[in-house]
N, C-alpha and C. Protein backbone atom coordinates (compact mmCIF):
# COMPACT_ATOMS: atom_id res chain seq x y z
N MET A 1 -30.80 -63.13 27.11
CA MET A 1 -30.52 -64.16 28.08
C MET A 1 -29.58 -65.21 27.49
N ARG A 2 -29.78 -65.51 26.17
CA ARG A 2 -28.92 -66.51 25.55
C ARG A 2 -27.47 -66.07 25.55
N ARG A 3 -27.24 -64.77 25.32
CA ARG A 3 -25.86 -64.28 25.34
C ARG A 3 -25.26 -64.43 26.71
N SER A 4 -26.03 -64.11 27.74
CA SER A 4 -25.56 -64.21 29.11
C SER A 4 -25.20 -65.66 29.45
N ILE A 5 -26.07 -66.58 29.07
CA ILE A 5 -25.81 -68.00 29.31
C ILE A 5 -24.59 -68.46 28.53
N PHE A 6 -24.48 -68.00 27.28
CA PHE A 6 -23.34 -68.38 26.45
C PHE A 6 -22.03 -67.88 27.06
N VAL A 7 -22.01 -66.61 27.48
CA VAL A 7 -20.79 -66.05 28.07
C VAL A 7 -20.44 -66.80 29.35
N THR A 8 -21.44 -67.08 30.18
CA THR A 8 -21.19 -67.82 31.43
C THR A 8 -20.64 -69.21 31.12
N LEU A 9 -21.22 -69.89 30.14
CA LEU A 9 -20.75 -71.21 29.75
C LEU A 9 -19.30 -71.14 29.27
N MET A 10 -18.97 -70.14 28.47
CA MET A 10 -17.60 -70.01 27.97
C MET A 10 -16.62 -69.74 29.11
N ILE A 11 -17.03 -68.97 30.09
CA ILE A 11 -16.15 -68.70 31.23
C ILE A 11 -15.90 -69.99 32.01
N CYS A 12 -16.97 -70.74 32.26
CA CYS A 12 -16.83 -72.00 33.00
C CYS A 12 -15.96 -72.98 32.22
N LEU A 13 -16.17 -73.07 30.92
CA LEU A 13 -15.38 -73.96 30.08
C LEU A 13 -13.91 -73.55 30.12
N GLY A 14 -13.65 -72.23 30.07
CA GLY A 14 -12.28 -71.74 30.13
C GLY A 14 -11.63 -72.04 31.47
N ALA A 15 -12.41 -72.02 32.54
CA ALA A 15 -11.86 -72.29 33.87
C ALA A 15 -11.48 -73.76 34.03
N VAL A 16 -12.16 -74.65 33.30
CA VAL A 16 -11.92 -76.08 33.43
C VAL A 16 -10.77 -76.55 32.53
N THR A 17 -10.58 -75.88 31.41
CA THR A 17 -9.54 -76.29 30.47
C THR A 17 -8.30 -75.44 30.62
N SER A 18 -7.23 -75.87 29.98
CA SER A 18 -5.99 -75.10 30.03
C SER A 18 -5.90 -74.13 28.85
N VAL A 19 -6.88 -74.13 27.98
CA VAL A 19 -6.88 -73.23 26.83
C VAL A 19 -7.41 -71.88 27.28
N HIS A 20 -6.71 -70.83 26.92
CA HIS A 20 -7.14 -69.48 27.28
C HIS A 20 -7.62 -68.78 26.02
N ALA A 21 -8.88 -68.39 25.99
CA ALA A 21 -9.45 -67.71 24.84
C ALA A 21 -10.38 -66.62 25.33
N THR A 22 -10.56 -65.63 24.48
CA THR A 22 -11.48 -64.55 24.78
C THR A 22 -12.65 -64.64 23.84
N VAL A 23 -13.85 -64.59 24.37
CA VAL A 23 -15.05 -64.57 23.56
C VAL A 23 -15.56 -63.14 23.56
N VAL A 24 -15.65 -62.53 22.39
CA VAL A 24 -16.13 -61.16 22.29
C VAL A 24 -17.50 -61.19 21.65
N ILE A 25 -18.48 -60.66 22.35
CA ILE A 25 -19.83 -60.58 21.83
C ILE A 25 -20.18 -59.11 21.73
N ASP A 26 -20.73 -58.72 20.59
CA ASP A 26 -21.09 -57.33 20.35
C ASP A 26 -22.45 -57.04 20.95
N PHE A 27 -22.51 -56.21 21.98
CA PHE A 27 -23.76 -55.85 22.63
C PHE A 27 -24.22 -54.49 22.14
N THR A 28 -25.48 -54.39 21.77
CA THR A 28 -26.06 -53.09 21.44
C THR A 28 -26.55 -52.46 22.73
N LEU A 29 -26.91 -51.19 22.67
CA LEU A 29 -27.48 -50.53 23.83
C LEU A 29 -28.78 -51.23 24.24
N ALA A 30 -29.57 -51.65 23.25
CA ALA A 30 -30.81 -52.37 23.55
C ALA A 30 -30.52 -53.68 24.27
N ASP A 31 -29.45 -54.39 23.87
CA ASP A 31 -29.07 -55.64 24.55
C ASP A 31 -28.71 -55.37 26.01
N LEU A 32 -27.93 -54.32 26.25
CA LEU A 32 -27.53 -54.00 27.62
C LEU A 32 -28.76 -53.75 28.48
N ILE A 33 -29.76 -53.06 27.91
CA ILE A 33 -30.99 -52.77 28.64
C ILE A 33 -31.78 -54.05 28.87
N ARG A 34 -31.91 -54.89 27.83
CA ARG A 34 -32.68 -56.13 27.95
C ARG A 34 -32.14 -57.06 29.03
N PHE A 35 -30.84 -57.18 29.13
CA PHE A 35 -30.22 -58.17 30.00
C PHE A 35 -29.91 -57.66 31.41
N SER A 36 -30.14 -56.39 31.68
CA SER A 36 -29.81 -55.84 33.00
C SER A 36 -31.06 -55.50 33.78
N GLN A 37 -30.94 -55.62 35.10
CA GLN A 37 -32.02 -55.18 35.97
C GLN A 37 -31.71 -53.80 36.56
N VAL A 38 -30.44 -53.42 36.50
CA VAL A 38 -30.01 -52.14 37.06
C VAL A 38 -29.08 -51.44 36.08
N CYS A 39 -29.33 -50.15 35.90
CA CYS A 39 -28.40 -49.28 35.18
C CYS A 39 -28.20 -48.08 36.10
N ALA A 40 -26.94 -47.82 36.46
CA ALA A 40 -26.68 -46.75 37.41
C ALA A 40 -25.33 -46.09 37.15
N ARG A 41 -25.29 -44.82 37.50
CA ARG A 41 -24.02 -44.09 37.53
C ARG A 41 -23.49 -44.28 38.94
N VAL A 42 -22.27 -44.79 39.04
CA VAL A 42 -21.69 -45.10 40.34
C VAL A 42 -20.30 -44.49 40.46
N ARG A 43 -19.87 -44.28 41.70
CA ARG A 43 -18.50 -43.87 41.98
C ARG A 43 -17.88 -45.00 42.79
N ALA A 44 -16.77 -45.52 42.31
CA ALA A 44 -16.07 -46.58 43.05
C ALA A 44 -15.38 -45.95 44.25
N LEU A 45 -15.66 -46.48 45.43
CA LEU A 45 -15.08 -45.94 46.66
C LEU A 45 -13.85 -46.73 47.08
N GLU A 46 -13.96 -48.05 47.05
CA GLU A 46 -12.84 -48.90 47.43
C GLU A 46 -13.11 -50.32 46.94
N SER A 47 -12.07 -51.12 46.95
CA SER A 47 -12.25 -52.53 46.58
C SER A 47 -11.47 -53.40 47.55
N ALA A 48 -11.98 -54.61 47.73
CA ALA A 48 -11.31 -55.60 48.57
C ALA A 48 -11.23 -56.89 47.77
N GLU A 49 -10.08 -57.54 47.84
CA GLU A 49 -9.89 -58.78 47.09
C GLU A 49 -9.82 -59.95 48.05
N LYS A 50 -10.58 -61.01 47.68
CA LYS A 50 -10.58 -62.21 48.53
C LYS A 50 -11.04 -63.40 47.70
N ALA A 51 -10.27 -64.47 47.76
CA ALA A 51 -10.63 -65.75 47.15
C ALA A 51 -11.03 -65.63 45.68
N GLY A 52 -10.26 -64.86 44.91
CA GLY A 52 -10.53 -64.75 43.47
C GLY A 52 -11.60 -63.75 43.09
N TRP A 53 -12.09 -62.98 44.04
CA TRP A 53 -13.13 -61.98 43.78
C TRP A 53 -12.66 -60.60 44.21
N SER A 54 -13.08 -59.57 43.47
CA SER A 54 -12.91 -58.19 43.90
C SER A 54 -14.31 -57.69 44.26
N THR A 55 -14.46 -57.20 45.47
CA THR A 55 -15.74 -56.63 45.88
C THR A 55 -15.58 -55.13 45.95
N TYR A 56 -16.37 -54.43 45.14
CA TYR A 56 -16.29 -52.99 45.06
C TYR A 56 -17.39 -52.36 45.90
N ARG A 57 -17.00 -51.39 46.72
CA ARG A 57 -17.99 -50.60 47.45
C ARG A 57 -18.27 -49.38 46.59
N LEU A 58 -19.55 -49.18 46.25
CA LEU A 58 -19.94 -48.14 45.31
C LEU A 58 -20.87 -47.12 45.95
N GLU A 59 -20.72 -45.89 45.53
CA GLU A 59 -21.68 -44.84 45.86
C GLU A 59 -22.59 -44.70 44.64
N ILE A 60 -23.90 -44.75 44.85
CA ILE A 60 -24.84 -44.60 43.75
C ILE A 60 -25.02 -43.10 43.51
N VAL A 61 -24.54 -42.62 42.38
CA VAL A 61 -24.64 -41.21 42.03
C VAL A 61 -25.99 -40.93 41.38
N ASP A 62 -26.43 -41.85 40.51
CA ASP A 62 -27.71 -41.69 39.81
C ASP A 62 -28.21 -43.06 39.38
N SER A 63 -29.43 -43.40 39.77
CA SER A 63 -30.04 -44.65 39.33
C SER A 63 -30.86 -44.37 38.08
N VAL A 64 -30.43 -44.89 36.95
CA VAL A 64 -31.16 -44.70 35.69
C VAL A 64 -32.41 -45.57 35.72
N TYR A 65 -32.26 -46.84 36.11
CA TYR A 65 -33.41 -47.72 36.37
C TYR A 65 -32.97 -48.88 37.23
N GLY A 66 -33.95 -49.50 37.87
CA GLY A 66 -33.69 -50.68 38.69
C GLY A 66 -33.32 -50.34 40.12
N PRO A 67 -33.23 -51.39 40.95
CA PRO A 67 -32.92 -51.22 42.38
C PRO A 67 -31.41 -51.03 42.61
N ALA A 68 -30.94 -49.83 42.34
CA ALA A 68 -29.50 -49.55 42.42
C ALA A 68 -28.92 -49.79 43.81
N GLN A 69 -29.74 -49.67 44.86
CA GLN A 69 -29.23 -49.89 46.22
C GLN A 69 -28.68 -51.31 46.37
N GLU A 70 -29.10 -52.24 45.51
CA GLU A 70 -28.61 -53.62 45.59
C GLU A 70 -27.19 -53.79 45.07
N ILE A 71 -26.63 -52.75 44.46
CA ILE A 71 -25.26 -52.88 43.95
C ILE A 71 -24.27 -51.98 44.71
N ARG A 72 -24.63 -51.57 45.92
CA ARG A 72 -23.69 -50.76 46.71
C ARG A 72 -22.40 -51.53 46.99
N GLU A 73 -22.51 -52.85 47.05
CA GLU A 73 -21.34 -53.72 47.09
C GLU A 73 -21.46 -54.65 45.90
N LEU A 74 -20.49 -54.61 45.01
CA LEU A 74 -20.55 -55.34 43.76
C LEU A 74 -19.37 -56.30 43.65
N PRO A 75 -19.61 -57.61 43.82
CA PRO A 75 -18.52 -58.59 43.67
C PRO A 75 -18.30 -58.93 42.19
N LEU A 76 -17.04 -58.90 41.75
CA LEU A 76 -16.70 -59.27 40.38
C LEU A 76 -15.56 -60.29 40.42
N LEU A 77 -15.71 -61.35 39.63
CA LEU A 77 -14.70 -62.40 39.57
C LEU A 77 -13.41 -61.86 38.95
N GLN A 78 -12.28 -62.13 39.58
CA GLN A 78 -10.98 -61.70 39.07
C GLN A 78 -10.47 -62.68 38.03
N GLY A 79 -9.53 -62.23 37.22
CA GLY A 79 -8.85 -63.11 36.29
C GLY A 79 -9.65 -63.48 35.06
N VAL A 80 -10.79 -62.85 34.83
CA VAL A 80 -11.60 -63.12 33.65
C VAL A 80 -11.28 -62.06 32.61
N VAL A 81 -10.88 -62.50 31.41
CA VAL A 81 -10.55 -61.56 30.35
C VAL A 81 -11.77 -60.68 30.07
N GLY A 82 -11.56 -59.38 30.07
CA GLY A 82 -12.63 -58.44 29.79
C GLY A 82 -13.39 -57.95 31.00
N MET A 83 -13.14 -58.54 32.17
CA MET A 83 -13.83 -58.09 33.39
C MET A 83 -13.27 -56.72 33.76
N PRO A 84 -14.12 -55.72 33.90
CA PRO A 84 -13.60 -54.39 34.25
C PRO A 84 -13.08 -54.34 35.67
N ARG A 85 -12.13 -53.46 35.89
CA ARG A 85 -11.64 -53.16 37.24
C ARG A 85 -12.05 -51.71 37.51
N LEU A 86 -12.80 -51.49 38.56
CA LEU A 86 -13.31 -50.16 38.87
C LEU A 86 -12.32 -49.45 39.79
N GLU A 87 -11.77 -48.36 39.31
CA GLU A 87 -10.74 -47.63 40.06
C GLU A 87 -11.39 -46.70 41.08
N PRO A 88 -10.94 -46.76 42.34
CA PRO A 88 -11.48 -45.86 43.37
C PRO A 88 -11.39 -44.40 42.94
N GLY A 89 -12.49 -43.67 43.17
CA GLY A 89 -12.55 -42.26 42.81
C GLY A 89 -13.09 -42.01 41.41
N HIS A 90 -13.15 -43.04 40.58
CA HIS A 90 -13.65 -42.88 39.21
C HIS A 90 -15.15 -43.17 39.19
N GLU A 91 -15.83 -42.53 38.22
CA GLU A 91 -17.26 -42.75 38.05
C GLU A 91 -17.51 -43.57 36.80
N TYR A 92 -18.55 -44.42 36.87
CA TYR A 92 -18.89 -45.32 35.77
C TYR A 92 -20.40 -45.37 35.59
N LEU A 93 -20.82 -45.65 34.38
CA LEU A 93 -22.20 -46.03 34.10
C LEU A 93 -22.12 -47.53 33.86
N ILE A 94 -22.86 -48.31 34.66
CA ILE A 94 -22.80 -49.76 34.54
C ILE A 94 -24.18 -50.36 34.36
N PHE A 95 -24.24 -51.45 33.61
CA PHE A 95 -25.45 -52.23 33.39
C PHE A 95 -25.25 -53.55 34.12
N VAL A 96 -26.11 -53.83 35.11
CA VAL A 96 -25.87 -54.96 36.02
C VAL A 96 -27.01 -55.97 35.96
N ASN A 97 -26.62 -57.25 35.91
CA ASN A 97 -27.55 -58.37 36.01
C ASN A 97 -27.44 -58.90 37.43
N LEU A 98 -28.49 -58.75 38.20
CA LEU A 98 -28.46 -59.17 39.61
C LEU A 98 -28.50 -60.68 39.78
N ASP A 99 -28.96 -61.40 38.75
CA ASP A 99 -29.15 -62.84 38.86
C ASP A 99 -27.92 -63.67 38.47
N ASN A 100 -26.94 -63.08 37.84
CA ASN A 100 -25.80 -63.82 37.31
C ASN A 100 -24.55 -63.48 38.12
N ARG A 101 -24.03 -64.45 38.87
CA ARG A 101 -22.85 -64.19 39.71
C ARG A 101 -21.58 -63.96 38.90
N ILE A 102 -21.44 -64.60 37.76
CA ILE A 102 -20.21 -64.47 36.97
C ILE A 102 -20.26 -63.22 36.10
N GLU A 103 -21.30 -63.10 35.33
CA GLU A 103 -21.41 -61.95 34.41
C GLU A 103 -22.31 -60.89 35.05
N ARG A 104 -21.89 -60.40 36.21
CA ARG A 104 -22.68 -59.41 36.95
C ARG A 104 -22.83 -58.14 36.12
N ILE A 105 -21.73 -57.62 35.57
CA ILE A 105 -21.82 -56.49 34.65
C ILE A 105 -22.02 -57.10 33.26
N ILE A 106 -23.09 -56.69 32.59
CA ILE A 106 -23.45 -57.27 31.30
C ILE A 106 -22.31 -57.11 30.31
N GLY A 107 -21.90 -58.24 29.73
CA GLY A 107 -20.85 -58.23 28.72
C GLY A 107 -19.52 -57.70 29.21
N PHE A 108 -19.31 -57.73 30.53
CA PHE A 108 -18.08 -57.24 31.14
C PHE A 108 -17.82 -55.79 30.73
N GLN A 109 -16.78 -55.52 29.92
CA GLN A 109 -16.49 -54.13 29.58
C GLN A 109 -17.55 -53.50 28.69
N TRP A 110 -18.35 -54.32 27.97
CA TRP A 110 -19.42 -53.74 27.14
C TRP A 110 -20.43 -53.00 28.00
N GLY A 111 -20.66 -53.45 29.21
CA GLY A 111 -21.64 -52.82 30.09
C GLY A 111 -21.03 -51.85 31.08
N THR A 112 -19.83 -51.35 30.78
CA THR A 112 -19.11 -50.43 31.66
C THR A 112 -18.63 -49.23 30.85
N TYR A 113 -19.08 -48.06 31.23
CA TYR A 113 -18.61 -46.83 30.59
C TYR A 113 -18.05 -45.93 31.68
N GLU A 114 -16.84 -45.45 31.49
CA GLU A 114 -16.29 -44.50 32.46
C GLU A 114 -16.82 -43.11 32.12
N ILE A 115 -17.04 -42.31 33.16
CA ILE A 115 -17.51 -40.94 32.97
C ILE A 115 -16.37 -40.01 33.36
N VAL A 116 -15.92 -39.22 32.37
CA VAL A 116 -14.82 -38.29 32.57
C VAL A 116 -15.32 -36.91 32.15
N GLU A 117 -15.33 -35.97 33.09
CA GLU A 117 -15.81 -34.60 32.83
C GLU A 117 -17.20 -34.62 32.19
N GLU A 118 -18.09 -35.43 32.76
CA GLU A 118 -19.49 -35.57 32.33
C GLU A 118 -19.65 -36.17 30.93
N ARG A 119 -18.58 -36.67 30.34
CA ARG A 119 -18.63 -37.35 29.04
C ARG A 119 -18.32 -38.81 29.25
N LEU A 120 -18.93 -39.66 28.41
CA LEU A 120 -18.70 -41.09 28.54
C LEU A 120 -17.56 -41.53 27.64
N VAL A 121 -16.73 -42.40 28.19
CA VAL A 121 -15.70 -43.05 27.39
C VAL A 121 -15.88 -44.55 27.60
N SER A 122 -15.52 -45.31 26.59
CA SER A 122 -15.63 -46.76 26.73
C SER A 122 -14.67 -47.21 27.81
N TYR A 123 -14.82 -48.46 28.23
CA TYR A 123 -13.95 -48.96 29.27
C TYR A 123 -12.49 -48.82 28.88
N GLY A 124 -12.19 -48.93 27.60
CA GLY A 124 -10.81 -48.79 27.12
C GLY A 124 -10.35 -47.36 26.99
N GLY A 125 -11.24 -46.39 27.25
CA GLY A 125 -10.83 -44.99 27.23
C GLY A 125 -11.18 -44.24 25.96
N ARG A 126 -11.84 -44.89 24.98
CA ARG A 126 -12.20 -44.23 23.73
C ARG A 126 -13.52 -43.49 23.93
N PRO A 127 -13.61 -42.19 23.52
CA PRO A 127 -14.87 -41.46 23.68
C PRO A 127 -16.01 -42.13 22.91
N ILE A 128 -17.20 -42.11 23.50
CA ILE A 128 -18.40 -42.63 22.85
C ILE A 128 -18.95 -41.50 21.99
N THR A 129 -19.05 -41.73 20.68
CA THR A 129 -19.54 -40.70 19.77
C THR A 129 -20.50 -41.31 18.77
N TRP A 130 -21.27 -40.48 18.13
CA TRP A 130 -22.00 -40.90 16.94
C TRP A 130 -22.12 -39.71 16.03
N GLN A 131 -22.30 -39.98 14.74
CA GLN A 131 -22.34 -38.90 13.76
C GLN A 131 -23.14 -39.32 12.55
N THR A 132 -23.58 -38.34 11.74
CA THR A 132 -24.30 -38.67 10.52
C THR A 132 -23.29 -39.19 9.50
N THR A 133 -23.77 -40.04 8.63
CA THR A 133 -22.89 -40.61 7.60
C THR A 133 -23.59 -40.48 6.24
N GLY A 134 -24.02 -39.28 5.92
CA GLY A 134 -24.66 -39.04 4.63
C GLY A 134 -26.16 -39.22 4.65
N GLY A 135 -26.84 -38.47 5.45
CA GLY A 135 -28.28 -38.54 5.44
C GLY A 135 -28.86 -38.99 6.76
N ALA A 136 -29.72 -40.00 6.68
CA ALA A 136 -30.48 -40.41 7.86
C ALA A 136 -29.92 -41.65 8.53
N LYS A 137 -28.62 -41.90 8.40
CA LYS A 137 -28.00 -43.02 9.10
C LYS A 137 -27.01 -42.48 10.11
N VAL A 138 -27.03 -43.08 11.28
CA VAL A 138 -26.15 -42.64 12.36
C VAL A 138 -25.44 -43.85 12.94
N ALA A 139 -24.17 -43.67 13.31
CA ALA A 139 -23.46 -44.73 14.02
C ALA A 139 -23.87 -44.64 15.47
N GLY A 140 -24.52 -45.69 15.95
CA GLY A 140 -25.00 -45.71 17.33
C GLY A 140 -23.88 -45.96 18.31
N LEU A 141 -24.22 -46.02 19.58
CA LEU A 141 -23.22 -46.26 20.62
C LEU A 141 -22.53 -47.59 20.42
N ASP A 142 -23.19 -48.52 19.73
CA ASP A 142 -22.60 -49.83 19.48
C ASP A 142 -21.82 -49.87 18.17
N GLY A 143 -21.75 -48.75 17.43
CA GLY A 143 -21.00 -48.70 16.19
C GLY A 143 -21.79 -49.11 14.97
N ARG A 144 -22.99 -49.61 15.13
CA ARG A 144 -23.81 -50.02 13.99
C ARG A 144 -24.54 -48.82 13.41
N LEU A 145 -24.73 -48.83 12.08
CA LEU A 145 -25.49 -47.76 11.44
C LEU A 145 -26.97 -48.03 11.60
N VAL A 146 -27.72 -47.02 12.01
CA VAL A 146 -29.16 -47.16 12.21
C VAL A 146 -29.87 -45.98 11.57
N GLU A 147 -31.12 -46.21 11.13
CA GLU A 147 -31.95 -45.15 10.57
C GLU A 147 -32.45 -44.26 11.69
N VAL A 148 -32.36 -42.93 11.49
CA VAL A 148 -32.86 -41.99 12.48
C VAL A 148 -33.49 -40.78 11.81
N ASP A 149 -34.30 -40.08 12.55
CA ASP A 149 -34.85 -38.80 12.12
C ASP A 149 -33.69 -37.81 12.12
N GLN A 150 -33.43 -37.17 10.98
CA GLN A 150 -32.27 -36.28 10.88
C GLN A 150 -32.29 -35.15 11.90
N THR A 151 -33.45 -34.75 12.35
CA THR A 151 -33.51 -33.67 13.33
C THR A 151 -32.95 -34.11 14.68
N LYS A 152 -32.78 -35.42 14.88
CA LYS A 152 -32.27 -35.92 16.15
C LYS A 152 -30.82 -36.38 16.04
N THR A 153 -30.19 -36.11 14.90
CA THR A 153 -28.82 -36.54 14.71
C THR A 153 -27.88 -35.72 15.59
N ALA A 154 -27.05 -36.40 16.32
CA ALA A 154 -26.12 -35.72 17.23
C ALA A 154 -24.82 -35.38 16.52
N PRO A 155 -24.15 -34.35 16.98
CA PRO A 155 -22.84 -34.03 16.39
C PRO A 155 -21.82 -35.09 16.78
N ALA A 156 -20.73 -35.14 16.01
CA ALA A 156 -19.68 -36.13 16.28
C ALA A 156 -18.78 -35.61 17.39
N GLU A 157 -19.28 -35.65 18.59
CA GLU A 157 -18.51 -35.26 19.77
C GLU A 157 -18.85 -36.23 20.88
N PRO A 158 -18.02 -36.32 21.89
CA PRO A 158 -18.31 -37.27 22.96
C PRO A 158 -19.71 -37.06 23.54
N VAL A 159 -20.35 -38.16 23.88
CA VAL A 159 -21.70 -38.16 24.41
C VAL A 159 -21.66 -37.82 25.89
N SER A 160 -22.57 -36.95 26.31
CA SER A 160 -22.64 -36.61 27.73
C SER A 160 -23.44 -37.69 28.47
N PHE A 161 -23.21 -37.77 29.77
CA PHE A 161 -23.95 -38.72 30.58
C PHE A 161 -25.44 -38.45 30.47
N GLU A 162 -25.85 -37.18 30.58
CA GLU A 162 -27.28 -36.84 30.55
C GLU A 162 -27.91 -37.23 29.21
N GLU A 163 -27.18 -37.03 28.13
CA GLU A 163 -27.69 -37.38 26.81
C GLU A 163 -27.90 -38.90 26.70
N LEU A 164 -26.92 -39.66 27.15
CA LEU A 164 -27.06 -41.11 27.10
C LEU A 164 -28.16 -41.58 28.06
N ARG A 165 -28.26 -40.96 29.21
CA ARG A 165 -29.30 -41.31 30.18
C ARG A 165 -30.68 -41.16 29.53
N GLU A 166 -30.90 -40.06 28.83
CA GLU A 166 -32.18 -39.83 28.15
C GLU A 166 -32.43 -40.89 27.07
N ARG A 167 -31.37 -41.25 26.33
CA ARG A 167 -31.50 -42.27 25.28
C ARG A 167 -31.84 -43.63 25.90
N ILE A 168 -31.22 -43.96 27.02
CA ILE A 168 -31.48 -45.24 27.68
C ILE A 168 -32.94 -45.30 28.14
N ILE A 169 -33.41 -44.24 28.78
CA ILE A 169 -34.79 -44.22 29.27
C ILE A 169 -35.77 -44.32 28.10
N ALA A 170 -35.52 -43.60 27.02
CA ALA A 170 -36.40 -43.65 25.85
C ALA A 170 -36.39 -45.03 25.21
N LEU A 171 -35.21 -45.62 25.05
CA LEU A 171 -35.10 -46.94 24.42
C LEU A 171 -35.74 -48.00 25.31
N ARG A 172 -35.54 -47.90 26.61
CA ARG A 172 -36.17 -48.86 27.54
C ARG A 172 -37.69 -48.77 27.44
N GLY A 173 -38.22 -47.55 27.37
CA GLY A 173 -39.66 -47.37 27.20
C GLY A 173 -40.16 -47.98 25.90
N GLU A 174 -39.39 -47.83 24.84
CA GLU A 174 -39.76 -48.41 23.54
C GLU A 174 -39.73 -49.94 23.61
N LEU A 175 -38.75 -50.51 24.27
CA LEU A 175 -38.67 -51.97 24.42
C LEU A 175 -39.86 -52.50 25.20
N VAL A 176 -40.30 -51.76 26.20
CA VAL A 176 -41.48 -52.17 26.97
C VAL A 176 -42.72 -52.07 26.09
N ARG A 177 -42.87 -50.96 25.35
CA ARG A 177 -44.04 -50.76 24.48
C ARG A 177 -44.16 -51.84 23.41
N THR A 178 -43.02 -52.29 22.87
CA THR A 178 -43.05 -53.30 21.80
C THR A 178 -43.09 -54.73 22.35
N GLY A 179 -43.05 -54.88 23.67
CA GLY A 179 -43.12 -56.20 24.27
C GLY A 179 -41.80 -56.93 24.32
N GLU A 180 -40.69 -56.28 23.94
CA GLU A 180 -39.38 -56.92 23.97
C GLU A 180 -38.79 -56.97 25.37
N LEU A 181 -39.38 -56.19 26.27
CA LEU A 181 -38.89 -56.12 27.65
C LEU A 181 -40.11 -56.05 28.55
N ALA A 182 -40.15 -56.91 29.55
CA ALA A 182 -41.25 -56.88 30.50
C ALA A 182 -41.18 -55.62 31.32
N ALA A 183 -42.31 -55.01 31.56
CA ALA A 183 -42.35 -53.81 32.39
C ALA A 183 -41.96 -54.19 33.82
N ARG A 184 -41.09 -53.40 34.40
CA ARG A 184 -40.64 -53.62 35.79
C ARG A 184 -40.90 -52.35 36.56
N SER A 185 -41.23 -52.49 37.81
CA SER A 185 -41.37 -51.30 38.65
C SER A 185 -40.00 -50.96 39.20
N ASP A 186 -39.60 -49.72 39.06
CA ASP A 186 -38.28 -49.29 39.53
C ASP A 186 -38.40 -48.37 40.71
C-alpha cells in the first residue's frame, strides 16, 4: 500500500510542477499480488480517449483471482510515464487495484504482461524467463535471485501463461497462509 501511495503522490507532484521525472519502483510478483484485487488475462477490444483518460473495453479471457467483471471497462490516465497502452486485439495479464484511480494497473508497466503465442513478455517486449544460476538459486520473474527446490527449477525459456498462472495462485495462497494477505472471496 505504501508503494501505491508513494507512486500516486509522485504522479500528483509531477502534475503540479514543471519538472518531469520518472519514478521506477521494483515490484516483485508477491508485491503485485499484495496490492491488487484483480489479476486477469484480458483481450483489449477497443479504446476511447476523453479528457486525458483512455478507457479500454476488455474481454475477460481468464480471471486468475478477484472480481474481473469489474474491469471490463478500464480507465487509465494518459500522459503518465510508464502507463501502459493496451493495443486492440492484443492479450495481457494485468494486476489491477480497484481502489486507486491513478495507479489502476499496479506499478503501471510492472503490472502488465503481454501474452504472445501463450508466452508472457514484459510490457517492453522482453520475454519473461528464469533459470538456475549454479544450484538452488533462481532468477524470479522480478529478476531477483531466490532460493528454490531444485526439482522445481524451470528451464531458461519464456514462461507460459499457464505456468505463471499456477505460480500466482500458489504464491497468493502462501501469502494468505502466512498472514501477509487477507483472505478474499473470489
